[in-house]
Amino acid sequence: MAAVGRLTGGARLSRPRRRTGLLLALPAIVIFAALFVAPLFTLVANSFRTQTGAFTLGNYARFLGDPFYRDVLGNTLKVAALTTTGCLLVGYPFALYMRARSPRVRNRLALLLLSPLLISMVIRAYGWLVVLGPNGPVASAFQALGLTPPQLLYNDTAVLIGMVHVMLAYMVLPLMGSLDRIDPTLVPAAKGLGASGWTCFWRITLPLSAPGMLAGAMIVFSLTASSFVTPAILGGPKVKLMPYFVYTQATTTLDWPYAAAIGFVLVVVTTGLLLGYSRLLRRGNGEVVFG
């Protein structure tokens, strides 16, 4: 009975704490609802209307029945996946290098990593426009070697280069968090038992850094799939991505309901892929693993 009384008293004491926590979180909840949930519901509602305000499913039937827009959706997901892969291939070695450096060097590398985020996205994109242009340093290097410069602007390659540059920090920072949480004695202990450096990386470092990889991949993929400025500047109208067509439908043709349908399709597909990716890397107990 005493034990039951203690449990009941503990439950009673926890209710004020829960109310206090809810009150503390209430401003953030209100801001989240006002700036995200309400616009999302407005987007969904508008996607089921005609331009005259009548209810219709024609916007989604138009999108799903048009192979052109399905190809645009596929290309958007492809660019997002390639950008995520590129950020992971570049960011993981960089994160490992940062982890092994002194705090002073790490601060300088972190500043170098975050410096692109301190500049306007438009300025960064136009910087790459100059670098990859026909008179830029890349073309000049090819010409100095007696080679014909490749076409690097207004294609998927230019968009991928610009997006990897923009999104790299969003991959490295979660990776650094996961790598810093790994017990530094595990690798020396494994080497003391005869494991090679590659075995230590494959069996210890890589699996234990999987949460950071998962978080970084989800952030980069979702931000890339919805990015507009960098693909519009570096890819132009030749690179057909979903955000560009949402913009043109809303501002050029003034078909706001169809623009809302395109945007909501992108939200649903991206969210579904991210949930599937997350579940693929998780066991039943929620532990992130490979395979």
Protein backbone atom coordinates (compact mmCIF):
# COMPACT_ATOMS: atom_id res chain seq x y z
CA MET A 1 0.00 0.00 0.00
CA ALA A 2 2.84 2.35 0.83
CA ALA A 3 4.40 1.62 -2.53
CA VAL A 4 1.09 2.35 -4.25
CA GLY A 5 0.81 5.59 -2.31
CA ARG A 6 4.29 6.63 -3.37
CA LEU A 7 3.50 5.84 -7.00
CA THR A 8 0.24 7.77 -6.82
CA GLY A 9 1.92 10.72 -5.17
CA GLY A 10 4.61 10.71 -7.84
CA ALA A 11 1.93 10.73 -10.52
CA ARG A 12 0.19 13.65 -8.79
CA LEU A 13 3.46 15.57 -8.60
CA SER A 14 4.13 14.99 -12.28
CA ARG A 15 0.89 16.67 -13.42
CA PRO A 16 1.95 20.21 -12.44
CA ARG A 17 5.28 19.58 -14.12
CA ARG A 18 3.53 18.50 -17.29
CA ARG A 19 1.34 21.61 -17.18
CA THR A 20 4.41 23.77 -16.63
CA GLY A 21 6.16 22.13 -19.56
CA LEU A 22 3.11 22.64 -21.75
CA LEU A 23 2.89 26.31 -20.79
CA LEU A 24 6.57 26.79 -21.56
CA ALA A 25 6.16 25.13 -24.94
CA LEU A 26 2.92 26.96 -25.75
CA PRO A 27 4.56 29.99 -27.48
CA ALA A 28 6.56 27.69 -29.76
CA ILE A 29 3.45 25.61 -30.49
CA VAL A 30 1.46 28.73 -31.38
CA ILE A 31 4.22 30.03 -33.66
CA PHE A 32 4.56 26.61 -35.32
CA ALA A 33 0.81 26.37 -35.87
CA ALA A 34 0.58 29.91 -37.24
CA LEU A 35 3.59 29.73 -39.56
CA PHE A 36 3.46 26.10 -40.71
CA VAL A 37 0.26 24.20 -39.91
CA ALA A 38 -2.18 26.94 -40.94
CA PRO A 39 -0.45 27.67 -44.29
CA LEU A 40 -0.27 23.94 -45.00
CA PHE A 41 -4.01 23.52 -44.43
CA THR A 42 -4.62 26.55 -46.66
CA LEU A 43 -2.45 24.98 -49.34
CA VAL A 44 -4.37 21.71 -49.17
CA ALA A 45 -7.74 23.47 -49.25
CA ASN A 46 -6.79 25.54 -52.29
CA SER A 47 -5.52 22.48 -54.14
CA PHE A 48 -9.06 21.03 -54.18
CA ARG A 49 -10.62 24.12 -55.74
CA THR A 50 -11.00 25.57 -59.19
CA GLN A 51 -10.07 29.14 -59.97
CA THR A 52 -13.72 30.04 -59.37
CA GLY A 53 -13.72 28.40 -55.91
CA ALA A 54 -15.67 25.21 -56.69
CA PHE A 55 -14.56 21.87 -55.27
CA THR A 56 -12.66 19.64 -57.70
CA LEU A 57 -10.20 16.77 -57.95
CA GLY A 58 -9.16 17.93 -61.39
CA ASN A 59 -5.90 19.54 -60.25
CA TYR A 60 -4.52 16.23 -59.02
CA ALA A 61 -5.94 14.33 -62.00
CA ARG A 62 -4.26 16.86 -64.28
CA PHE A 63 -0.91 16.42 -62.54
CA LEU A 64 -0.98 12.63 -62.24
CA GLY A 65 -2.31 12.17 -65.77
CA ASP A 66 0.38 14.28 -67.42
CA PRO A 67 3.65 12.39 -68.06
CA PHE A 68 5.50 15.70 -68.34
CA TYR A 69 4.77 16.64 -64.73
CA ARG A 70 5.53 13.11 -63.56
CA ASP A 71 8.93 13.43 -65.22
CA VAL A 72 9.42 16.77 -63.47
CA LEU A 73 8.66 15.11 -60.12
CA GLY A 74 11.09 12.30 -60.89
CA ASN A 75 13.83 14.73 -61.87
CA THR A 76 13.26 16.74 -58.68
CA LEU A 77 13.67 13.62 -56.54
CA LYS A 78 16.73 12.59 -58.55
CA VAL A 79 18.44 15.95 -58.04
CA ALA A 80 17.60 15.84 -54.32
CA ALA A 81 19.00 12.31 -53.98
CA LEU A 82 22.19 13.15 -55.89
CA THR A 83 22.70 16.29 -53.83
CA THR A 84 22.27 14.26 -50.63
CA THR A 85 24.76 11.67 -51.88
CA GLY A 86 27.24 14.36 -52.87
CA CYS A 87 26.96 16.09 -49.50
CA LEU A 88 27.50 12.76 -47.74
CA LEU A 89 30.54 11.83 -49.85
CA VAL A 90 32.13 15.24 -49.31
CA GLY A 91 30.88 15.89 -45.80
CA TYR A 92 31.72 12.60 -44.09
CA PRO A 93 35.50 12.80 -44.69
CA PHE A 94 35.40 16.47 -43.74
CA ALA A 95 33.59 15.63 -40.49
CA LEU A 96 36.13 12.90 -39.69
CA TYR A 97 38.97 15.35 -40.34
CA MET A 98 37.37 17.98 -38.09
CA ARG A 99 36.86 15.47 -35.32
CA ALA A 100 40.59 14.65 -35.20
CA ARG A 101 41.71 18.29 -35.04
CA SER A 102 42.36 20.52 -32.05
CA PRO A 103 39.57 22.81 -30.79
CA ARG A 104 41.27 25.84 -32.35
CA VAL A 105 41.49 24.23 -35.78
CA ARG A 106 37.95 22.90 -35.47
CA ASN A 107 36.61 26.38 -34.82
CA ARG A 108 38.34 27.69 -37.94
CA LEU A 109 37.05 24.80 -40.05
CA ALA A 110 33.54 25.31 -38.65
CA LEU A 111 33.72 28.99 -39.61
CA LEU A 112 34.84 28.00 -43.10
CA LEU A 113 31.99 25.50 -43.32
CA LEU A 114 29.33 27.94 -42.13
CA SER A 115 30.60 30.96 -44.06
CA PRO A 116 28.40 30.24 -47.15
CA LEU A 117 25.33 30.44 -44.90
CA LEU A 118 26.27 34.01 -43.99
CA ILE A 119 25.91 35.08 -47.62
CA SER A 120 22.66 35.53 -49.51
CA MET A 121 21.60 32.49 -51.50
CA VAL A 122 21.23 34.66 -54.59
CA ILE A 123 24.80 35.94 -54.27
CA ARG A 124 26.13 32.41 -53.84
CA ALA A 125 24.27 31.24 -56.93
CA TYR A 126 25.52 34.14 -59.02
CA GLY A 127 29.05 33.41 -57.76
CA TRP A 128 28.79 29.91 -59.21
CA LEU A 129 27.34 31.47 -62.36
CA VAL A 130 30.63 33.33 -62.80
CA VAL A 131 32.82 30.37 -61.85
CA LEU A 132 31.08 27.91 -64.19
CA GLY A 133 30.46 30.42 -66.99
CA PRO A 134 32.16 30.35 -70.42
CA ASN A 135 34.65 33.03 -69.28
CA GLY A 136 35.13 31.72 -65.76
CA PRO A 137 38.16 30.03 -64.18
CA VAL A 138 36.93 26.50 -64.96
CA ALA A 139 36.60 27.24 -68.68
CA SER A 140 39.96 29.05 -68.64
CA ALA A 141 41.64 26.02 -67.06
CA PHE A 142 40.28 23.74 -69.81
CA GLN A 143 41.42 26.18 -72.48
CA ALA A 144 44.89 26.40 -70.95
CA LEU A 145 45.15 22.61 -71.30
CA GLY A 146 44.05 22.81 -74.91
CA LEU A 147 40.67 21.24 -74.19
CA THR A 148 37.20 22.39 -75.10
CA PRO A 149 35.37 23.58 -71.96
CA PRO A 150 32.28 21.51 -71.19
CA GLN A 151 28.86 23.08 -70.82
CA LEU A 152 28.56 23.55 -67.06
CA LEU A 153 25.67 26.00 -66.86
CA TYR A 154 21.92 25.53 -67.21
CA ASN A 155 21.97 21.78 -66.63
CA ASP A 156 21.73 19.30 -63.77
CA THR A 157 25.50 19.44 -63.18
CA ALA A 158 25.44 23.15 -62.36
CA VAL A 159 22.46 22.67 -60.05
CA LEU A 160 24.17 19.78 -58.23
CA ILE A 161 27.39 21.76 -57.72
CA GLY A 162 25.51 24.76 -56.37
CA MET A 163 23.23 22.70 -54.13
CA VAL A 164 26.08 20.64 -52.63
CA HIS A 165 27.85 23.89 -51.79
CA VAL A 166 24.71 25.30 -50.17
CA MET A 167 23.68 22.14 -48.28
CA LEU A 168 27.07 20.81 -47.15
CA ALA A 169 26.85 22.39 -43.69
CA TYR A 170 23.47 20.74 -43.05
CA MET A 171 25.14 17.37 -43.55
CA VAL A 172 28.38 17.98 -41.65
CA LEU A 173 26.88 19.43 -38.47
CA PRO A 174 24.68 16.38 -37.63
CA LEU A 175 27.61 14.12 -38.51
CA MET A 176 29.86 16.02 -36.12
CA GLY A 177 27.28 15.57 -33.36
CA SER A 178 27.20 11.80 -33.88
CA LEU A 179 30.97 11.44 -34.21
CA ASP A 180 31.58 13.44 -31.03
CA ARG A 181 29.29 11.10 -29.08
CA ILE A 182 31.34 8.01 -30.02
CA ASP A 183 33.46 6.76 -27.11
CA PRO A 184 37.06 7.65 -28.08
CA THR A 185 38.37 4.49 -26.40
CA LEU A 186 36.49 2.10 -28.69
CA VAL A 187 38.80 2.36 -31.71
CA PRO A 188 42.07 2.02 -29.70
CA ALA A 189 40.56 -0.96 -27.88
CA ALA A 190 39.58 -2.60 -31.17
CA LYS A 191 43.03 -2.01 -32.63
CA GLY A 192 44.55 -3.47 -29.48
CA LEU A 193 42.55 -6.63 -30.20
CA GLY A 194 43.97 -6.84 -33.72
CA ALA A 195 41.37 -4.97 -35.80
CA SER A 196 42.62 -2.97 -38.76
CA GLY A 197 41.85 0.69 -39.30
CA TRP A 198 39.32 -0.13 -42.02
CA THR A 199 37.62 -2.70 -39.78
CA CYS A 200 37.37 -0.16 -36.96
CA PHE A 201 35.81 2.34 -39.32
CA TRP A 202 33.37 -0.14 -40.88
CA ARG A 203 32.34 -1.89 -37.66
CA ILE A 204 32.51 0.97 -35.12
CA THR A 205 32.67 4.50 -36.54
CA LEU A 206 30.27 4.14 -39.44
CA PRO A 207 27.43 2.35 -37.58
CA LEU A 208 27.66 4.65 -34.55
CA SER A 209 27.56 7.74 -36.78
CA ALA A 210 24.43 6.49 -38.59
CA PRO A 211 22.06 8.79 -36.62
CA GLY A 212 23.97 11.82 -37.88
CA MET A 213 23.94 10.47 -41.42
CA LEU A 214 20.20 9.88 -41.20
CA ALA A 215 19.50 13.35 -39.82
CA GLY A 216 21.77 15.06 -42.35
CA ALA A 217 20.33 13.12 -45.27
CA MET A 218 16.76 13.96 -44.28
CA ILE A 219 17.56 17.67 -43.90
CA VAL A 220 19.50 17.92 -47.17
CA PHE A 221 16.98 15.90 -49.18
CA SER A 222 13.95 17.87 -47.99
CA LEU A 223 15.62 21.27 -48.41
CA THR A 224 16.94 20.40 -51.87
CA ALA A 225 13.61 19.07 -53.11
CA SER A 226 11.92 22.35 -52.16
CA SER A 227 14.76 24.69 -53.19
CA PHE A 228 13.98 27.32 -55.80
CA VAL A 229 16.61 30.08 -56.01
CA THR A 230 19.76 28.07 -56.76
CA PRO A 231 18.16 25.72 -59.35
CA ALA A 232 16.41 28.66 -61.02
CA ILE A 233 19.65 30.63 -61.41
CA LEU A 234 22.07 27.83 -62.26
CA GLY A 235 19.64 25.56 -64.10
CA GLY A 236 17.30 28.07 -65.70
CA PRO A 237 14.21 26.84 -67.54
CA LYS A 238 16.15 23.87 -68.95
CA VAL A 239 16.31 22.13 -65.57
CA LYS A 240 12.71 21.31 -64.78
CA LEU A 241 12.05 21.00 -61.05
CA MET A 242 8.83 21.11 -59.05
CA PRO A 243 9.44 24.40 -57.16
CA TYR A 244 10.06 26.19 -60.45
CA PHE A 245 6.71 25.03 -61.83
CA VAL A 246 4.92 25.98 -58.61
CA TYR A 247 6.35 29.47 -59.09
CA THR A 248 5.40 29.71 -62.76
CA GLN A 249 1.86 28.42 -62.18
CA ALA A 250 1.32 30.91 -59.37
CA THR A 251 2.93 34.00 -60.94
CA THR A 252 2.79 33.51 -64.73
CA THR A 253 -0.42 31.63 -65.43
CA LEU A 254 -2.02 32.76 -62.12
CA ASP A 255 -3.41 29.25 -61.58
CA TRP A 256 -3.09 29.21 -57.81
CA PRO A 257 -5.12 26.01 -57.21
CA TYR A 258 -2.94 24.01 -59.58
CA ALA A 259 0.19 25.51 -58.03
CA ALA A 260 -1.11 24.43 -54.62
CA ALA A 261 -1.72 20.90 -55.93
CA ILE A 262 1.82 20.67 -57.33
CA GLY A 263 3.25 21.92 -54.03
CA PHE A 264 1.19 19.49 -51.95
CA VAL A 265 2.18 16.55 -54.16
CA LEU A 266 5.81 17.44 -53.56
CA VAL A 267 5.21 17.66 -49.80
CA VAL A 268 3.47 14.26 -49.68
CA VAL A 269 6.02 12.45 -51.86
CA THR A 270 9.00 13.94 -50.03
CA THR A 271 7.53 13.16 -46.61
CA GLY A 272 6.70 9.60 -47.66
CA LEU A 273 10.22 8.97 -48.96
CA LEU A 274 11.79 10.39 -45.81
CA LEU A 275 9.59 8.23 -43.58
CA GLY A 276 10.43 5.17 -45.65
CA TYR A 277 14.13 5.99 -45.54
CA SER A 278 13.99 6.45 -41.78
CA ARG A 279 12.19 3.15 -41.27
CA LEU A 280 14.63 1.37 -43.58
CA LEU A 281 17.52 2.34 -41.31
CA ARG A 282 15.77 1.48 -38.05
CA ARG A 283 15.14 -1.70 -36.14
CA GLY A 284 12.00 -2.37 -34.22
CA ASN A 285 13.52 -0.84 -31.08
CA GLY A 286 14.33 2.41 -32.84
CA GLU A 287 18.10 1.84 -33.08
CA VAL A 288 19.57 3.18 -36.32
CA VAL A 289 21.56 0.56 -38.19
CA PHE A 290 22.76 -0.40 -41.63
CA GLY A 291 21.17 -3.33 -43.36
